[in-house]
């Protein structure tokens, strides 16, 4: 029965991750997915395996490169499909993420069985299988979910170190840590768990012997990291430059992104636990940690709690924070929650106050119910058309090819193209001429640059470079159609005092233009969700009916737009 339960859990886990896997395609609306992993994997087919990019480690991109080679059969096929049918390529990449997420659940079960017992392992695996954030991000070709598999593998090895102290377990844990860090840098936090497990092993056996075995783990870990990120060794200047750039993006130079929720990162992450993992598992994990301390199970405390505390303090101290950055420690939290719940069930059964089956069912519902409801909701949403796809269908039908349009930076560049089809309406083969929202005539202080000069604008800085006079420039140049959306405008309205010129721009647009199309992702009569870097893109709130932002298309009047 226990084996059957594990199999059923894994099947349910994979199905939740595959339901809605095609969301948004053929356009990838997540900027990280569109630019960081699949394109890098495609680039490797040019026979240069150096990613020349280390903001994110390339382990997942290398894996996709191998999978694409095996699945599609030839370089020409992969390149042709990426250009003419990107859906086929992105679906394969997303399925790889979903499978690795499911593998992480299985490995966490094995780790929990080693650290505690089968019941704890199964419940911890169920918590990770149904947790909202891992389920949602399994639908995207990003490295967050794939990193959970080697993280759980390292925990399996660490459990062996704590229980048996064998060299093979040290090596296995080092392998998991190296692969985790080569997939997502923060996955290396598991090294702290290994160090404490080795310390416990040394106290019980021999510190010198444990140190030698830890050196073996370190060697295997470094080898695994280099295997997944070989140009860290072959091109160290570019590698270290990328790592420094990633650190600077988290901490500055302009750390507070427009639209960022007020408060500390630590508070944000504690709040994220309540929905990204669920109230039940989050509270149970606190109880699990306290119970281990009270029972003086020092080894288990050291293997689980310090890494959690360190990760939260370090990540919470960064000025920028996003829910998915919390996922590397979800396996640890799930283990503590599973332990606390199983011990509570056993205590109630021994007390014979409640039927054992009733207690187990109620505890499981409390742990998994919130996440299961959220998973079904988001998968239902993801299986429906994205608002950006609906808006494009409308624009293709109502905005003539060759028209000049202003599209806020909330869609990828190929959104203006008919995928797999070259149009003669523009020299670039796009359906419409696009206003260059990636350029501005303002300097960083909001002053006009000299005539003919421009400055490049990052997506996060777009709202800071809007001003009412832009509308006159649109009209004079014949850019009569303007599409805006809540993923950009929402940032300005979330912090209007930061960007008063942008607020004035939107007010004047509404006054001088005619609204010709509008689509909302929210159910009829539902209150819209204020802009959030998490809930605006992961659709957790129940108000969502469709994926995507709220979109409006305006037609300007006067001048060339008469």
Protein backbone atom coordinates (compact mmCIF):
# COMPACT_ATOMS: atom_id res chain seq x y z
CA UNK A 1 0.00 0.00 0.00
CA UNK A 2 2.79 2.39 0.83
CA UNK A 3 4.48 1.86 -2.54
CA UNK A 4 1.17 2.40 -4.30
CA UNK A 5 0.68 5.68 -2.41
CA UNK A 6 4.08 6.90 -3.60
CA UNK A 7 3.27 6.00 -7.22
CA UNK A 8 -0.13 7.73 -7.07
CA UNK A 9 1.47 10.81 -5.52
CA UNK A 10 4.04 11.01 -8.32
CA UNK A 11 1.35 10.60 -10.99
CA UNK A 12 -0.75 13.37 -9.42
CA UNK A 13 2.38 15.53 -9.07
CA UNK A 14 3.26 15.19 -12.76
CA UNK A 15 -0.32 15.75 -13.96
CA UNK A 16 -0.59 18.99 -11.98
CA UNK A 17 2.58 20.18 -13.65
CA UNK A 18 1.52 19.22 -17.17
CA UNK A 19 -2.00 20.66 -17.00
CA UNK A 20 -1.85 24.00 -18.82
CA UNK A 21 1.76 23.46 -19.95
CA UNK A 22 1.15 25.30 -23.26
CA UNK A 23 -0.03 28.50 -21.58
CA UNK A 24 0.74 31.64 -23.58
CA UNK A 25 2.46 29.87 -26.46
CA UNK A 26 3.64 30.43 -29.15
CA UNK A 27 4.76 33.53 -27.22
CA UNK A 28 6.74 33.23 -24.00
CA UNK A 29 5.53 36.03 -21.74
CA UNK A 30 7.90 35.38 -18.86
CA UNK A 31 10.94 37.51 -19.64
CA UNK A 32 13.36 35.11 -17.93
CA UNK A 33 11.99 32.14 -19.84
CA UNK A 34 12.08 34.04 -23.12
CA UNK A 35 15.71 35.17 -22.78
CA UNK A 36 17.68 33.06 -20.30
CA UNK A 37 17.43 29.30 -20.85
CA UNK A 38 15.79 28.04 -24.03
CA UNK A 39 17.54 30.67 -26.21
CA UNK A 40 20.87 29.77 -24.58
CA UNK A 41 20.27 26.09 -25.31
CA UNK A 42 19.46 26.93 -28.93
CA UNK A 43 22.63 29.01 -29.10
CA UNK A 44 24.73 25.98 -28.18
CA UNK A 45 23.80 24.46 -31.54
CA UNK A 46 26.10 27.08 -33.08
CA UNK A 47 28.98 24.89 -31.79
CA UNK A 48 29.98 27.39 -29.10
CA UNK A 49 29.15 25.84 -25.75
CA UNK A 50 30.27 28.93 -23.85
CA UNK A 51 27.02 30.64 -22.80
CA UNK A 52 28.86 34.00 -22.41
CA UNK A 53 26.26 34.66 -19.74
CA UNK A 54 26.38 33.70 -16.07
CA UNK A 55 23.64 35.74 -14.40
CA UNK A 56 22.07 32.30 -14.07
CA UNK A 57 24.17 29.13 -14.08
CA UNK A 58 23.84 27.22 -17.37
CA UNK A 59 23.21 23.70 -16.01
CA UNK A 60 19.54 23.67 -17.05
CA UNK A 61 20.40 25.16 -20.46
CA UNK A 62 22.97 22.41 -21.11
CA UNK A 63 20.38 19.80 -20.17
CA UNK A 64 17.90 21.34 -22.61
CA UNK A 65 20.58 21.32 -25.31
CA UNK A 66 21.01 17.55 -24.84
CA UNK A 67 17.25 16.93 -24.72
CA UNK A 68 16.63 19.02 -27.86
CA UNK A 69 19.36 17.08 -29.68
CA UNK A 70 17.81 13.75 -28.71
CA UNK A 71 14.16 14.76 -29.18
CA UNK A 72 14.32 16.70 -32.45
CA UNK A 73 17.14 14.76 -34.04
CA UNK A 74 19.12 17.46 -35.84
CA UNK A 75 20.46 20.97 -35.48
CA UNK A 76 18.51 22.22 -38.50
CA UNK A 77 15.23 20.86 -37.11
CA UNK A 78 15.70 22.56 -33.75
CA UNK A 79 16.61 25.93 -35.27
CA UNK A 80 13.80 25.75 -37.82
CA UNK A 81 11.20 24.92 -35.17
CA UNK A 82 12.44 27.63 -32.80
CA UNK A 83 11.81 30.16 -35.57
CA UNK A 84 8.65 28.78 -37.16
CA UNK A 85 7.00 26.81 -34.32
CA UNK A 86 8.43 27.86 -30.94
CA UNK A 87 5.54 26.10 -29.21
CA UNK A 88 7.13 22.72 -29.94
CA UNK A 89 10.46 23.79 -28.45
CA UNK A 90 9.08 25.50 -25.35
CA UNK A 91 6.71 22.64 -24.56
CA UNK A 92 9.63 20.18 -24.51
CA UNK A 93 11.61 22.53 -22.26
CA UNK A 94 8.66 22.97 -19.90
CA UNK A 95 8.01 19.23 -19.75
CA UNK A 96 11.66 18.74 -18.75
CA UNK A 97 11.09 21.18 -15.87
CA UNK A 98 7.90 19.34 -14.87
CA UNK A 99 9.64 15.95 -14.91
CA UNK A 100 12.54 17.26 -12.84
CA UNK A 101 10.04 18.75 -10.39
CA UNK A 102 8.43 15.32 -10.05
CA UNK A 103 11.85 13.69 -9.64
CA UNK A 104 12.53 16.17 -6.83
CA UNK A 105 9.39 14.96 -5.06
CA UNK A 106 10.53 11.33 -5.33
CA UNK A 107 14.01 12.18 -4.05
CA UNK A 108 12.55 14.12 -1.14
CA UNK A 109 10.48 11.07 -0.20
CA UNK A 110 13.67 8.98 -0.17
CA UNK A 111 15.49 11.63 1.89
CA UNK A 112 12.63 11.87 4.37
CA UNK A 113 12.52 8.09 4.70
CA UNK A 114 16.24 8.09 5.52
CA UNK A 115 16.12 11.01 7.93
CA UNK A 116 12.91 10.02 9.70
CA UNK A 117 10.73 7.20 8.36
CA UNK A 118 8.46 6.27 5.46
CA UNK A 119 5.43 8.15 6.75
CA UNK A 120 7.34 11.39 7.22
CA UNK A 121 8.99 10.99 3.82
CA UNK A 122 5.65 10.43 2.09
CA UNK A 123 3.98 13.41 3.74
CA UNK A 124 6.96 15.70 3.06
CA UNK A 125 6.92 14.60 -0.59
CA UNK A 126 3.17 15.31 -0.77
CA UNK A 127 3.70 18.81 0.63
CA UNK A 128 6.31 19.57 -2.05
CA UNK A 129 4.19 17.91 -4.76
CA UNK A 130 1.19 20.15 -4.08
CA UNK A 131 2.95 23.36 -2.98
CA UNK A 132 1.71 26.20 -5.17
CA UNK A 133 4.97 27.84 -6.23
CA UNK A 134 6.67 24.62 -7.44
CA UNK A 135 3.50 23.64 -9.30
CA UNK A 136 3.15 27.00 -11.03
CA UNK A 137 6.81 27.35 -12.00
CA UNK A 138 6.84 23.81 -13.39
CA UNK A 139 4.82 25.32 -16.26
CA UNK A 140 7.77 27.50 -17.31
CA UNK A 141 11.19 26.66 -18.72
CA UNK A 142 13.04 28.25 -15.79
CA UNK A 143 15.70 26.83 -13.49
CA UNK A 144 13.82 27.19 -10.18
CA UNK A 145 11.95 23.87 -10.28
CA UNK A 146 14.74 21.84 -11.96
CA UNK A 147 17.05 22.88 -9.10
CA UNK A 148 14.77 21.13 -6.60
CA UNK A 149 15.80 17.69 -7.91
CA UNK A 150 19.52 18.02 -7.07
CA UNK A 151 18.63 19.82 -3.83
CA UNK A 152 16.56 16.79 -2.79
CA UNK A 153 19.33 14.47 -4.00
CA UNK A 154 21.78 16.27 -1.73
CA UNK A 155 19.37 15.83 1.18
CA UNK A 156 19.23 12.10 0.47
CA UNK A 157 23.01 11.93 0.67
CA UNK A 158 23.09 14.16 3.76
CA UNK A 159 20.61 11.85 5.47
CA UNK A 160 23.01 8.98 4.77
CA UNK A 161 25.90 10.98 6.22
CA UNK A 162 23.94 11.63 9.39
CA UNK A 163 22.74 8.03 9.75
CA UNK A 164 25.69 5.99 8.47
CA UNK A 165 28.62 8.28 7.75
CA UNK A 166 29.67 6.34 4.66
CA UNK A 167 31.96 7.87 2.06
CA UNK A 168 29.45 7.10 -0.68
CA UNK A 169 26.85 9.22 1.10
CA UNK A 170 29.30 12.12 1.37
CA UNK A 171 30.00 11.79 -2.35
CA UNK A 172 26.29 11.64 -3.19
CA UNK A 173 25.54 14.74 -1.16
CA UNK A 174 28.42 16.57 -2.85
CA UNK A 175 27.07 15.53 -6.24
CA UNK A 176 23.64 16.93 -5.39
CA UNK A 177 25.03 20.21 -4.04
CA UNK A 178 27.26 20.73 -7.08
CA UNK A 179 24.45 20.07 -9.54
CA UNK A 180 22.05 22.24 -7.54
CA UNK A 181 24.48 25.19 -7.60
CA UNK A 182 25.13 24.61 -11.31
CA UNK A 183 21.39 24.87 -11.91
CA UNK A 184 20.61 27.73 -9.52
CA UNK A 185 23.31 29.37 -7.44
CA UNK A 186 21.23 29.53 -4.26
CA UNK A 187 20.85 25.74 -4.35
CA UNK A 188 24.34 25.69 -2.85
CA UNK A 189 22.78 26.48 0.54
CA UNK A 190 22.61 22.70 1.04
CA UNK A 191 26.36 22.80 1.70
CA UNK A 192 25.55 24.13 5.16
CA UNK A 193 23.39 21.06 5.83
CA UNK A 194 26.26 18.78 4.76
CA UNK A 195 28.80 20.54 6.98
CA UNK A 196 26.61 20.08 10.05
CA UNK A 197 25.91 16.45 9.13
CA UNK A 198 29.66 15.87 8.82
CA UNK A 199 30.20 17.55 12.22
CA UNK A 200 27.67 15.20 13.82
CA UNK A 201 29.32 12.24 12.09
CA UNK A 202 32.72 13.34 13.35
CA UNK A 203 31.52 13.70 16.94
CA UNK A 204 30.09 10.18 16.90
CA UNK A 205 33.00 8.59 15.03
CA UNK A 206 36.16 10.57 14.26
CA UNK A 207 36.53 14.21 13.32
CA UNK A 208 39.59 13.44 11.21
CA UNK A 209 37.75 10.71 9.28
CA UNK A 210 34.72 12.96 8.81
CA UNK A 211 36.97 15.75 7.54
CA UNK A 212 38.51 13.42 4.95
CA UNK A 213 35.08 12.31 3.78
CA UNK A 214 33.91 15.92 3.66
CA UNK A 215 36.89 16.65 1.41
CA UNK A 216 35.66 13.86 -0.89
CA UNK A 217 32.22 15.48 -0.94
CA UNK A 218 33.80 18.84 -1.74
CA UNK A 219 35.79 17.35 -4.61
CA UNK A 220 32.73 15.62 -6.05
CA UNK A 221 30.69 18.80 -5.58
CA UNK A 222 33.23 20.94 -7.43
CA UNK A 223 33.41 18.35 -10.22
CA UNK A 224 29.60 18.29 -10.49
CA UNK A 225 29.45 22.09 -10.57
CA UNK A 226 32.07 22.22 -13.33
CA UNK A 227 30.21 19.50 -15.23
CA UNK A 228 27.08 21.65 -15.22
CA UNK A 229 28.99 24.92 -15.62
CA UNK A 230 32.28 24.10 -17.37
CA UNK A 231 33.07 27.65 -18.44
CA UNK A 232 33.29 28.69 -14.83
CA UNK A 233 36.68 27.00 -15.16
CA UNK A 234 37.32 27.68 -18.85
CA UNK A 235 36.24 31.34 -18.87
CA UNK A 236 36.61 32.56 -15.26
CA UNK A 237 36.59 36.33 -15.98
CA UNK A 238 33.18 36.14 -17.67
CA UNK A 239 31.89 33.76 -15.02
CA UNK A 240 32.86 35.94 -12.07
CA UNK A 241 31.62 39.03 -13.87
CA UNK A 242 28.21 37.37 -14.31
CA UNK A 243 28.06 36.33 -10.66
CA UNK A 244 28.92 39.85 -9.53
CA UNK A 245 26.29 41.26 -11.87
CA UNK A 246 23.67 38.90 -10.44
CA UNK A 247 24.56 40.00 -6.93
CA UNK A 248 24.35 43.67 -7.94
CA UNK A 249 20.92 43.15 -9.50
CA UNK A 250 19.65 41.85 -6.16
CA UNK A 251 21.20 44.65 -4.15
CA UNK A 252 21.44 47.63 -6.50
CA UNK A 253 22.37 49.99 -8.01
CA UNK A 254 18.67 50.88 -8.11
CA UNK A 255 17.45 48.17 -5.75
CA UNK A 256 13.88 49.28 -5.21
CA UNK A 257 12.07 48.41 -8.41
CA UNK A 258 9.01 50.47 -9.14
CA UNK A 259 5.99 48.52 -7.89
CA UNK A 260 7.92 46.61 -5.21
CA UNK A 261 5.83 45.83 -2.16
CA UNK A 262 6.78 47.97 0.83
CA UNK A 263 8.45 46.22 3.76
CA UNK A 264 11.44 44.02 4.46
CA UNK A 265 12.48 41.03 2.41
CA UNK A 266 12.27 38.80 5.48
CA UNK A 267 8.67 39.81 6.09
CA UNK A 268 7.87 39.26 2.43
CA UNK A 269 9.31 35.75 2.46
CA UNK A 270 7.49 34.83 5.66
CA UNK A 271 4.29 35.98 3.96
CA UNK A 272 5.21 34.02 0.83
CA UNK A 273 5.35 30.83 2.88
CA UNK A 274 1.67 31.25 3.76
CA UNK A 275 0.53 30.90 0.13
CA UNK A 276 3.54 29.61 -1.80
CA UNK A 277 3.78 26.57 0.47
CA UNK A 278 0.61 26.99 2.53
CA UNK A 279 -0.35 27.98 6.06
CA UNK A 280 -0.56 24.37 7.24
CA UNK A 281 2.93 23.26 6.18
CA UNK A 282 4.49 26.56 7.26
CA UNK A 283 3.11 26.39 10.81
CA UNK A 284 3.76 22.66 11.05
CA UNK A 285 7.41 23.24 10.05
CA UNK A 286 7.84 25.65 12.97
CA UNK A 287 6.36 23.01 15.24
CA UNK A 288 8.63 20.36 13.74
CA UNK A 289 11.74 22.39 14.42
CA UNK A 290 10.69 23.10 18.01
CA UNK A 291 9.83 19.44 18.60
CA UNK A 292 13.26 18.33 17.41
CA UNK A 293 14.87 20.84 19.79
CA UNK A 294 12.72 19.73 22.73
CA UNK A 295 13.53 16.09 22.04
CA UNK A 296 17.22 16.99 21.76
CA UNK A 297 17.58 15.38 18.36
CA UNK A 298 20.57 17.59 17.74
CA UNK A 299 21.68 16.00 14.51
CA UNK A 300 18.32 16.51 12.82
CA UNK A 301 18.12 20.06 14.16
CA UNK A 302 21.54 20.96 12.77
CA UNK A 303 20.85 19.39 9.38
CA UNK A 304 17.58 21.25 8.84
CA UNK A 305 17.21 24.45 10.89
CA UNK A 306 20.47 26.45 10.44
CA UNK A 307 20.28 26.38 6.62
CA UNK A 308 16.69 27.63 6.79
CA UNK A 309 17.56 30.48 9.13
CA UNK A 310 20.67 31.46 7.18
CA UNK A 311 18.83 31.44 3.84
CA UNK A 312 15.96 33.56 5.16
CA UNK A 313 18.25 36.09 6.80
CA UNK A 314 20.52 36.38 3.75
CA UNK A 315 17.79 36.53 1.10
CA UNK A 316 15.53 38.62 3.33
CA UNK A 317 18.30 41.18 3.68
CA UNK A 318 18.33 41.87 -0.07
CA UNK A 319 16.40 44.95 -1.29
CA UNK A 320 14.72 42.90 -4.04
CA UNK A 321 12.63 39.86 -3.29
CA UNK A 322 10.45 37.50 -5.31
CA UNK A 323 8.49 34.49 -4.11
CA UNK A 324 10.20 31.94 -6.35
CA UNK A 325 13.60 32.80 -4.87
CA UNK A 326 12.42 31.00 -1.72
CA UNK A 327 12.02 27.58 -3.35
CA UNK A 328 15.48 26.06 -2.68
CA UNK A 329 14.58 25.65 1.00
CA UNK A 330 11.07 24.26 0.41
CA UNK A 331 12.32 20.64 0.76
CA UNK A 332 13.70 21.40 4.23
CA UNK A 333 10.47 23.06 5.32
CA UNK A 334 8.44 20.15 3.94
CA UNK A 335 10.52 17.66 5.94
CA UNK A 336 9.99 19.55 9.20
CA UNK A 337 6.28 19.92 8.49
CA UNK A 338 5.93 16.23 7.68
CA UNK A 339 7.74 15.24 10.87
CA UNK A 340 5.58 17.45 13.10
CA UNK A 341 2.34 16.22 11.54
CA UNK A 342 3.20 12.53 11.73
CA UNK A 343 4.26 12.89 15.36
CA UNK A 344 0.97 14.67 16.16
CA UNK A 345 -1.02 11.90 14.48
CA UNK A 346 0.88 9.24 16.44
CA UNK A 347 0.32 11.05 19.72
CA UNK A 348 -3.42 11.34 19.10
CA UNK A 349 -3.62 7.67 18.13
CA UNK A 350 -1.79 6.65 21.29
CA UNK A 351 -4.18 8.78 23.34
CA UNK A 352 -7.08 6.90 21.65
CA UNK A 353 -9.26 9.99 21.69
CA UNK A 354 -9.91 10.02 17.97
CA UNK A 355 -10.02 7.32 15.27
CA UNK A 356 -6.61 7.06 13.60
CA UNK A 357 -7.97 7.23 10.06
CA UNK A 358 -9.99 10.35 10.86
CA UNK A 359 -6.98 12.08 12.41
CA UNK A 360 -4.73 11.21 9.47
CA UNK A 361 -7.31 12.41 6.94
CA UNK A 362 -7.92 15.67 8.78
CA UNK A 363 -4.20 16.37 9.15
CA UNK A 364 -3.58 15.67 5.48
CA UNK A 365 -6.43 17.97 4.47
CA UNK A 366 -5.05 20.77 6.65
CA UNK A 367 -1.59 20.36 5.18
CA UNK A 368 -2.51 19.94 1.51
CA UNK A 369 -6.00 21.41 1.12
CA UNK A 370 -5.00 25.04 0.58
CA UNK A 371 -2.32 24.09 -1.96
CA UNK A 372 -4.55 21.61 -3.81
CA UNK A 373 -7.29 24.21 -4.27
CA UNK A 374 -4.74 26.79 -5.47
CA UNK A 375 -3.19 24.26 -7.89
CA UNK A 376 -6.52 23.37 -9.47
CA UNK A 377 -7.39 27.05 -9.74
CA UNK A 378 -4.13 28.07 -11.41
CA UNK A 379 -4.05 25.08 -13.76
CA UNK A 380 -7.59 25.90 -14.85
CA UNK A 381 -6.53 29.50 -15.48
CA UNK A 382 -3.40 28.45 -17.39
CA UNK A 383 -5.42 26.17 -19.65
CA UNK A 384 -7.33 29.21 -20.99
CA UNK A 385 -6.15 31.81 -23.55
CA UNK A 386 -3.76 34.48 -22.30
CA UNK A 387 -5.11 38.03 -22.42
CA UNK A 388 -2.10 39.03 -24.53
CA UNK A 389 -2.97 36.36 -27.08
CA UNK A 390 -6.58 37.57 -27.15
CA UNK A 391 -5.43 41.17 -27.60
CA UNK A 392 -3.20 40.14 -30.47
CA UNK A 393 -6.02 38.35 -32.23
CA UNK A 394 -8.13 41.52 -31.93
CA UNK A 395 -5.31 43.75 -33.17
CA UNK A 396 -4.58 41.48 -36.13
CA UNK A 397 -8.23 41.78 -37.11
CA UNK A 398 -8.67 45.52 -36.50
CA UNK A 399 -5.28 47.22 -36.80
CA UNK A 400 -4.15 47.15 -40.45
CA UNK A 401 -0.79 45.59 -41.23
CA UNK A 402 1.83 48.28 -41.57
CA UNK A 403 0.18 50.54 -39.00
CA UNK A 404 2.33 52.30 -36.44
CA UNK A 405 1.68 51.12 -32.88
CA UNK A 406 2.93 51.79 -29.36
CA UNK A 407 3.10 48.58 -27.34
CA UNK A 408 4.23 48.77 -23.74
CA UNK A 409 7.09 46.35 -22.90
CA UNK A 410 4.88 43.57 -21.56
CA UNK A 411 5.15 41.22 -24.55
CA UNK A 412 8.22 39.66 -26.24
CA UNK A 413 9.64 41.16 -29.43
CA UNK A 414 8.25 38.39 -31.65
CA UNK A 415 4.71 39.31 -30.54
CA UNK A 416 4.58 41.76 -33.45
CA UNK A 417 5.31 38.90 -35.85
CA UNK A 418 3.04 36.24 -37.25
CA UNK A 419 5.01 33.22 -36.05
CA UNK A 420 6.54 31.35 -38.96
CA UNK A 421 5.35 33.94 -41.51
CA UNK A 422 7.17 36.88 -43.07
CA UNK A 423 5.00 39.92 -43.76
CA UNK A 424 5.95 42.62 -46.26
CA UNK A 425 4.18 45.27 -44.17
CA UNK A 426 7.50 46.26 -42.52
CA UNK A 427 11.17 45.77 -43.45
CA UNK A 428 11.65 43.45 -40.45
CA UNK A 429 8.76 41.20 -41.45
CA UNK A 430 6.63 42.30 -38.49
CA UNK A 431 2.94 43.04 -38.81
CA UNK A 432 3.22 46.59 -37.40
CA UNK A 433 5.77 49.34 -37.01
CA UNK A 434 6.58 49.55 -33.29
CA UNK A 435 7.46 52.71 -31.38
CA UNK A 436 10.90 52.08 -29.76
CA UNK A 437 9.81 51.87 -26.11
CA UNK A 438 13.35 50.69 -25.34
CA UNK A 439 14.72 54.18 -26.11
CA UNK A 440 14.11 57.56 -24.47
CA UNK A 441 15.11 61.17 -25.10
CA UNK A 442 15.34 61.82 -21.34
CA UNK A 443 18.46 61.53 -19.23
CA UNK A 444 18.47 59.62 -15.92
CA UNK A 445 17.24 62.77 -14.14
CA UNK A 446 14.23 63.28 -16.41
CA UNK A 447 15.70 66.14 -18.46
CA UNK A 448 15.57 66.25 -22.23
CA UNK A 449 18.72 65.09 -24.00
CA UNK A 450 20.19 67.18 -26.83
CA UNK A 451 18.44 66.94 -30.18
CA UNK A 452 19.01 63.57 -31.85
CA UNK A 453 20.34 61.79 -28.76
CA UNK A 454 18.71 58.76 -27.13
CA UNK A 455 19.28 56.57 -24.11
CA UNK A 456 18.53 52.85 -23.73
CA UNK A 457 15.70 52.03 -21.30
CA UNK A 458 15.44 48.80 -19.32
CA UNK A 459 11.99 47.28 -18.91
CA UNK A 460 12.00 48.10 -15.19
CA UNK A 461 12.72 51.77 -15.99
CA UNK A 462 10.03 52.22 -18.64
CA UNK A 463 7.51 53.96 -16.36
CA UNK A 464 10.16 56.42 -15.17
CA UNK A 465 10.59 57.64 -18.75
CA UNK A 466 6.96 58.38 -19.61
CA UNK A 467 5.73 61.97 -19.88
CA UNK A 468 2.61 63.59 -21.41
CA UNK A 469 4.40 65.21 -24.35
CA UNK A 470 5.08 61.74 -25.72
CA UNK A 471 1.50 61.67 -27.02
CA UNK A 472 2.21 64.61 -29.33
CA UNK A 473 5.27 62.80 -30.64
CA UNK A 474 3.19 59.68 -31.28
CA UNK A 475 0.63 61.69 -33.27
CA UNK A 476 3.17 63.68 -35.25
CA UNK A 477 4.94 60.46 -36.27
CA UNK A 478 1.68 58.64 -37.03
CA UNK A 479 1.73 56.16 -34.12
CA UNK A 480 -2.02 56.13 -33.58
CA UNK A 481 -2.57 52.85 -31.72
CA UNK A 482 -1.43 52.50 -28.10
CA UNK A 483 -1.61 49.24 -26.12
CA UNK A 484 -0.98 49.42 -22.41
CA UNK A 485 -1.26 46.84 -19.68
CA UNK A 486 -1.31 46.42 -15.93
CA UNK A 487 2.12 44.78 -15.82
CA UNK A 488 3.61 48.17 -16.68
CA UNK A 489 0.98 50.81 -15.89
CA UNK A 490 0.22 48.95 -12.66
CA UNK A 491 3.70 49.73 -11.38
CA UNK A 492 3.12 53.46 -11.78
CA UNK A 493 -0.28 53.39 -10.09
CA UNK A 494 1.15 51.29 -7.25
CA UNK A 495 3.59 54.13 -6.44
CA UNK A 496 2.17 57.27 -8.08
CA UNK A 497 4.39 59.67 -6.12
CA UNK A 498 7.45 58.04 -7.62
CA UNK A 499 6.39 58.69 -11.22
CA UNK A 500 3.96 61.65 -11.41
CA UNK A 501 4.83 62.23 -15.07
CA UNK A 502 3.75 58.67 -15.92
CA UNK A 503 0.44 59.20 -14.09
CA UNK A 504 -0.09 62.39 -16.08
CA UNK A 505 0.75 60.52 -19.29
CA UNK A 506 -1.93 57.89 -18.64
CA UNK A 507 -4.50 60.51 -17.66
CA UNK A 508 -3.89 62.49 -20.85
CA UNK A 509 -4.00 59.31 -22.95
CA UNK A 510 -7.43 58.46 -21.55
CA UNK A 511 -8.58 62.01 -22.32
CA UNK A 512 -7.20 62.35 -25.84
CA UNK A 513 -7.68 58.80 -27.14
CA UNK A 514 -10.61 56.49 -27.70
CA UNK A 515 -10.65 53.10 -25.93
CA UNK A 516 -11.25 50.56 -28.68
CA UNK A 517 -10.46 47.29 -26.93
CA UNK A 518 -10.17 46.06 -23.35
CA UNK A 519 -9.67 42.62 -21.87
CA UNK A 520 -9.43 41.71 -18.18
CA UNK A 521 -8.05 38.51 -16.65
CA UNK A 522 -10.43 38.81 -13.70
CA UNK A 523 -13.82 37.20 -13.34
CA UNK A 524 -16.81 39.44 -13.95
CA UNK A 525 -17.53 41.53 -10.87
CA UNK A 526 -14.26 40.52 -9.18
CA UNK A 527 -12.07 43.17 -7.61
CA UNK A 528 -8.83 43.60 -9.63
CA UNK A 529 -5.56 42.60 -7.98
CA UNK A 530 -3.14 45.49 -7.36
CA UNK A 531 0.20 45.17 -9.10
CA UNK A 532 2.54 42.59 -7.56
CA UNK A 533 5.72 40.99 -8.84
CA UNK A 534 4.28 37.66 -7.72
CA UNK A 535 0.49 37.70 -7.86
CA UNK A 536 0.38 39.64 -11.13
CA UNK A 537 2.20 36.81 -12.89
CA UNK A 538 1.39 33.60 -10.99
CA UNK A 539 -2.42 34.10 -10.76
CA UNK A 540 -2.73 32.76 -7.22
CA UNK A 541 -5.72 35.00 -6.24
CA UNK A 542 -9.12 33.48 -7.00
CA UNK A 543 -10.18 36.59 -8.94
CA UNK A 544 -8.22 35.40 -11.97
CA UNK A 545 -10.18 33.77 -14.78
CA UNK A 546 -7.58 34.14 -17.54
CA UNK A 547 -3.77 34.30 -17.48
CA UNK A 548 -2.14 37.59 -18.37
CA UNK A 549 -2.46 41.27 -17.43
CA UNK A 550 -5.36 43.67 -17.92
CA UNK A 551 -4.94 45.21 -21.38
CA UNK A 552 -6.35 48.26 -23.15
CA UNK A 553 -5.93 49.44 -26.73
CA UNK A 554 -6.44 53.14 -27.49
CA UNK A 555 -6.67 55.04 -30.76
CA UNK A 556 -5.29 58.57 -30.70
CA UNK A 557 -6.96 61.43 -32.55
CA UNK A 558 -5.74 64.58 -34.24
CA UNK A 559 -2.91 65.23 -36.70
CA UNK A 560 -1.89 62.07 -38.56
CA UNK A 561 -4.29 60.12 -36.33
CA UNK A 562 -7.35 62.14 -37.39
